[in-house]
N, C-alpha and C. Protein backbone atom coordinates (compact mmCIF):
# COMPACT_ATOMS: atom_id res chain seq x y z
N MET A 1 3.96 -7.78 24.45
CA MET A 1 2.96 -7.36 23.76
C MET A 1 3.63 -7.87 22.13
N SER A 2 2.44 -7.92 21.52
CA SER A 2 2.94 -8.50 19.98
C SER A 2 3.58 -7.64 19.15
N PRO A 3 4.24 -7.87 17.99
CA PRO A 3 4.94 -6.80 17.49
C PRO A 3 3.77 -6.40 16.42
N ARG A 4 4.11 -4.99 15.90
CA ARG A 4 3.16 -4.56 15.23
C ARG A 4 3.46 -4.71 13.86
N LEU A 5 2.60 -5.06 12.80
CA LEU A 5 2.79 -5.31 11.50
C LEU A 5 2.38 -4.20 10.65
N SER A 6 3.45 -4.00 9.80
CA SER A 6 3.00 -3.09 8.52
C SER A 6 3.14 -3.80 7.24
N VAL A 7 1.70 -3.55 6.43
CA VAL A 7 1.75 -4.20 5.05
C VAL A 7 2.19 -3.52 4.17
N LEU A 8 3.41 -3.75 3.39
CA LEU A 8 3.58 -2.73 2.73
C LEU A 8 3.28 -3.23 1.27
N ILE A 9 2.73 -2.40 0.16
CA ILE A 9 2.22 -2.61 -1.11
C ILE A 9 2.67 -1.29 -1.96
N VAL A 10 3.30 -1.98 -3.15
CA VAL A 10 3.65 -0.87 -4.12
C VAL A 10 2.64 -1.49 -5.44
N SER A 11 1.98 -0.15 -5.83
CA SER A 11 0.74 -0.49 -6.79
C SER A 11 1.29 0.56 -8.12
N TYR A 12 0.89 -0.02 -9.29
CA TYR A 12 0.98 0.83 -10.44
C TYR A 12 -0.46 0.39 -11.25
N ASP A 13 -1.62 1.10 -11.40
CA ASP A 13 -2.53 1.13 -12.37
C ASP A 13 -3.60 -0.13 -12.09
N VAL A 14 -3.56 -0.71 -11.05
CA VAL A 14 -4.10 -1.84 -10.66
C VAL A 14 -5.61 -1.49 -9.60
N ALA A 15 -6.11 -0.46 -9.81
CA ALA A 15 -7.46 0.11 -9.08
C ALA A 15 -8.20 -1.18 -8.34
N PRO A 16 -8.76 -1.82 -9.51
CA PRO A 16 -9.72 -3.03 -8.87
C PRO A 16 -9.26 -3.68 -8.15
N LEU A 17 -7.94 -4.14 -8.65
CA LEU A 17 -7.27 -5.34 -7.65
C LEU A 17 -6.91 -4.63 -6.15
N LEU A 18 -6.51 -3.60 -6.61
CA LEU A 18 -6.03 -2.84 -5.32
C LEU A 18 -7.30 -2.70 -3.97
N ARG A 19 -8.36 -2.46 -4.84
CA ARG A 19 -9.66 -2.43 -3.84
C ARG A 19 -9.78 -3.33 -3.02
N ARG A 20 -9.71 -4.52 -3.76
CA ARG A 20 -9.88 -5.92 -3.26
C ARG A 20 -8.88 -6.31 -2.14
N CYS A 21 -7.89 -5.96 -2.67
CA CYS A 21 -6.40 -6.31 -1.66
C CYS A 21 -6.71 -5.44 -0.30
N LEU A 22 -7.20 -3.93 -0.17
CA LEU A 22 -7.16 -3.13 0.75
C LEU A 22 -8.51 -3.59 1.54
N THR A 23 -9.59 -4.14 0.93
CA THR A 23 -10.48 -4.90 1.72
C THR A 23 -10.13 -5.99 2.34
N SER A 24 -9.37 -6.74 1.83
CA SER A 24 -9.12 -7.96 2.59
C SER A 24 -8.27 -7.54 3.88
N LEU A 25 -7.50 -6.38 3.90
CA LEU A 25 -6.57 -6.21 4.92
C LEU A 25 -6.98 -5.06 5.97
N ARG A 26 -8.49 -5.07 6.05
CA ARG A 26 -8.89 -4.00 7.16
C ARG A 26 -8.54 -4.08 8.36
N GLU A 27 -8.19 -5.36 8.84
CA GLU A 27 -8.04 -5.51 10.16
C GLU A 27 -6.21 -5.56 10.44
N ALA A 28 -5.68 -5.05 9.64
CA ALA A 28 -4.25 -5.04 9.42
C ALA A 28 -3.93 -4.09 10.85
N ASP A 29 -2.95 -4.06 11.20
CA ASP A 29 -2.20 -2.83 11.82
C ASP A 29 -1.92 -1.57 11.25
N GLU A 30 -1.42 -1.85 10.14
CA GLU A 30 -1.11 -0.67 9.37
C GLU A 30 -0.66 -1.08 7.98
N VAL A 31 -1.31 -0.62 7.05
CA VAL A 31 -1.00 -0.77 5.65
C VAL A 31 -0.43 0.74 5.03
N VAL A 32 0.49 0.49 4.20
CA VAL A 32 1.21 1.50 3.55
C VAL A 32 1.37 1.21 1.89
N VAL A 33 0.46 2.03 1.43
CA VAL A 33 0.62 1.96 -0.30
C VAL A 33 1.33 3.17 -1.23
N VAL A 34 2.41 2.61 -1.85
CA VAL A 34 3.22 3.72 -2.26
C VAL A 34 2.42 3.13 -3.92
N ASP A 35 1.80 4.46 -4.30
CA ASP A 35 1.56 4.54 -5.50
C ASP A 35 2.61 4.93 -6.69
N ASN A 36 2.70 4.08 -7.63
CA ASN A 36 3.82 4.58 -8.55
C ASN A 36 3.36 5.38 -9.66
N ALA A 37 2.70 6.35 -9.46
CA ALA A 37 2.22 7.34 -10.48
C ALA A 37 1.24 6.60 -11.50
N SER A 38 0.33 6.14 -10.77
CA SER A 38 -0.67 5.43 -11.60
C SER A 38 -1.63 6.51 -12.36
N SER A 39 -2.14 6.36 -13.23
CA SER A 39 -3.20 7.04 -14.10
C SER A 39 -4.47 6.60 -14.13
N ASP A 40 -4.96 5.40 -13.28
CA ASP A 40 -6.15 4.90 -12.99
C ASP A 40 -6.88 5.44 -12.06
N GLY A 41 -6.48 6.44 -11.50
CA GLY A 41 -7.45 6.87 -10.30
C GLY A 41 -7.25 6.20 -9.14
N SER A 42 -6.25 5.27 -8.84
CA SER A 42 -5.64 4.38 -7.64
C SER A 42 -5.47 5.41 -6.27
N PRO A 43 -4.69 6.61 -6.55
CA PRO A 43 -4.42 7.21 -5.23
C PRO A 43 -5.99 7.98 -4.68
N GLU A 44 -6.65 8.40 -5.69
CA GLU A 44 -8.28 8.74 -5.25
C GLU A 44 -8.73 8.11 -4.55
N LEU A 45 -8.91 6.43 -5.09
CA LEU A 45 -9.57 5.40 -4.59
C LEU A 45 -9.00 5.19 -3.16
N VAL A 46 -7.75 5.19 -2.92
CA VAL A 46 -7.04 4.90 -1.56
C VAL A 46 -7.68 5.72 -0.67
N ARG A 47 -7.68 7.21 -1.01
CA ARG A 47 -8.01 8.38 0.20
C ARG A 47 -9.49 8.35 0.08
N ARG A 48 -10.53 7.94 -0.86
CA ARG A 48 -11.78 7.94 -0.65
C ARG A 48 -12.22 6.76 0.14
N GLU A 49 -11.75 5.30 -0.18
CA GLU A 49 -12.35 4.32 0.33
C GLU A 49 -11.65 3.63 1.38
N PHE A 50 -10.19 4.10 1.60
CA PHE A 50 -9.64 3.57 2.68
C PHE A 50 -8.48 4.64 3.41
N PRO A 51 -9.69 5.62 4.17
CA PRO A 51 -8.69 6.62 4.80
C PRO A 51 -7.73 6.34 5.52
N GLY A 52 -7.89 5.37 6.37
CA GLY A 52 -6.89 4.68 7.38
C GLY A 52 -5.57 4.22 6.77
N VAL A 53 -5.39 4.12 5.67
CA VAL A 53 -4.13 3.69 4.93
C VAL A 53 -3.27 4.70 4.46
N VAL A 54 -2.01 4.52 4.95
CA VAL A 54 -0.90 5.53 4.51
C VAL A 54 -0.32 5.57 3.08
N LEU A 55 -0.95 6.36 2.24
CA LEU A 55 -0.46 6.51 0.76
C LEU A 55 0.42 7.35 0.73
N VAL A 56 1.40 6.95 -0.11
CA VAL A 56 2.47 7.76 -0.29
C VAL A 56 2.50 7.83 -2.10
N GLU A 57 2.39 9.00 -2.80
CA GLU A 57 2.62 9.08 -3.92
C GLU A 57 3.80 9.43 -4.51
N SER A 58 4.15 8.56 -5.52
CA SER A 58 5.51 8.66 -6.17
C SER A 58 5.15 9.45 -7.44
N PRO A 59 5.95 10.60 -7.75
CA PRO A 59 5.84 11.44 -8.81
C PRO A 59 6.05 10.62 -9.91
N ALA A 60 6.92 9.35 -9.83
CA ALA A 60 7.04 8.82 -11.40
C ALA A 60 6.99 7.19 -10.68
N ASN A 61 7.13 6.47 -11.84
CA ASN A 61 7.13 5.15 -11.29
C ASN A 61 8.64 4.79 -11.32
N VAL A 62 8.77 4.33 -9.99
CA VAL A 62 10.22 4.24 -9.60
C VAL A 62 10.41 2.61 -9.37
N GLY A 63 9.49 1.78 -9.93
CA GLY A 63 9.69 0.49 -9.77
C GLY A 63 9.53 -0.16 -8.29
N PHE A 64 9.57 -1.50 -8.44
CA PHE A 64 9.17 -2.27 -6.99
C PHE A 64 10.20 -2.04 -5.95
N GLY A 65 11.39 -2.31 -6.22
CA GLY A 65 12.30 -1.93 -5.24
C GLY A 65 12.57 -0.87 -4.58
N ALA A 66 12.61 0.14 -5.36
CA ALA A 66 12.44 1.64 -4.59
C ALA A 66 11.19 2.35 -4.14
N GLY A 67 10.14 1.58 -4.59
CA GLY A 67 8.56 1.48 -3.99
C GLY A 67 8.70 0.98 -2.53
N VAL A 68 9.22 -0.12 -2.21
CA VAL A 68 9.27 -0.93 -1.22
C VAL A 68 10.13 -0.07 -0.18
N ASN A 69 11.20 0.50 -0.34
CA ASN A 69 12.18 1.43 0.36
C ASN A 69 11.21 2.60 0.89
N LEU A 70 10.82 3.22 -0.35
CA LEU A 70 9.92 4.25 -0.03
C LEU A 70 8.83 3.83 0.98
N ALA A 71 7.94 2.73 0.97
CA ALA A 71 6.82 2.60 2.00
C ALA A 71 7.60 2.15 3.16
N ALA A 72 8.68 1.33 3.35
CA ALA A 72 9.44 1.10 4.57
C ALA A 72 9.69 2.54 5.37
N ARG A 73 9.97 3.55 4.55
CA ARG A 73 10.49 4.91 5.11
C ARG A 73 9.11 5.36 6.06
N HIS A 74 8.07 5.14 5.38
CA HIS A 74 6.69 5.43 6.23
C HIS A 74 6.07 4.72 7.01
N ALA A 75 6.57 3.43 6.98
CA ALA A 75 6.09 2.45 7.98
C ALA A 75 6.34 2.72 9.12
N THR A 76 5.47 2.50 10.37
CA THR A 76 5.64 2.61 11.83
C THR A 76 6.10 1.20 12.44
N GLY A 77 5.34 -0.03 11.91
CA GLY A 77 5.53 -1.26 12.39
C GLY A 77 6.84 -1.67 12.74
N ASP A 78 6.87 -2.81 13.63
CA ASP A 78 8.10 -3.67 13.81
C ASP A 78 8.62 -4.48 13.03
N VAL A 79 7.63 -5.21 12.29
CA VAL A 79 7.70 -6.18 11.31
C VAL A 79 6.93 -5.52 10.02
N PHE A 80 7.71 -6.07 8.77
CA PHE A 80 7.01 -5.56 7.49
C PHE A 80 6.83 -6.69 6.66
N LEU A 81 5.30 -6.71 6.02
CA LEU A 81 4.93 -7.80 5.31
C LEU A 81 4.81 -7.15 3.72
N LEU A 82 5.85 -7.68 2.87
CA LEU A 82 5.61 -7.04 1.51
C LEU A 82 4.36 -7.77 0.74
N PHE A 83 3.29 -7.05 0.11
CA PHE A 83 2.09 -7.73 -0.19
C PHE A 83 2.10 -6.98 -1.69
N ASN A 84 1.69 -8.04 -2.50
CA ASN A 84 1.36 -7.61 -4.08
C ASN A 84 0.08 -7.02 -4.08
N PRO A 85 -0.36 -5.86 -4.86
CA PRO A 85 -1.80 -5.39 -4.95
C PRO A 85 -2.95 -6.59 -5.43
N ASP A 86 -2.34 -7.51 -5.83
CA ASP A 86 -3.29 -8.65 -6.71
C ASP A 86 -3.32 -9.72 -5.68
N ALA A 87 -3.01 -9.45 -4.34
CA ALA A 87 -3.07 -10.67 -3.55
C ALA A 87 -4.26 -10.31 -2.67
N GLU A 88 -4.76 -11.23 -1.71
CA GLU A 88 -5.97 -11.27 -0.79
C GLU A 88 -5.62 -11.97 0.45
N VAL A 89 -6.06 -11.48 1.58
CA VAL A 89 -6.00 -12.17 2.88
C VAL A 89 -6.94 -13.08 2.64
């Protein structure tokens, strides 16, 4: 059996880029997005357009490192891939 991949994304106020990123990851085993208290509607976008994505809403912008650690705590995969919200597969 192949290892299960969890894609971890830390996002802050990049809704248009995040949409493109998540669209490119539709075939991923699991995607976990930590939203760092965005004010641009990013969490709503994820809930509305990507219901299969695990969304973790941080009440404050905790930064990249802490955001990755938060995502990892919610991920269930065997292998983690850190992915920026401005990247696409």
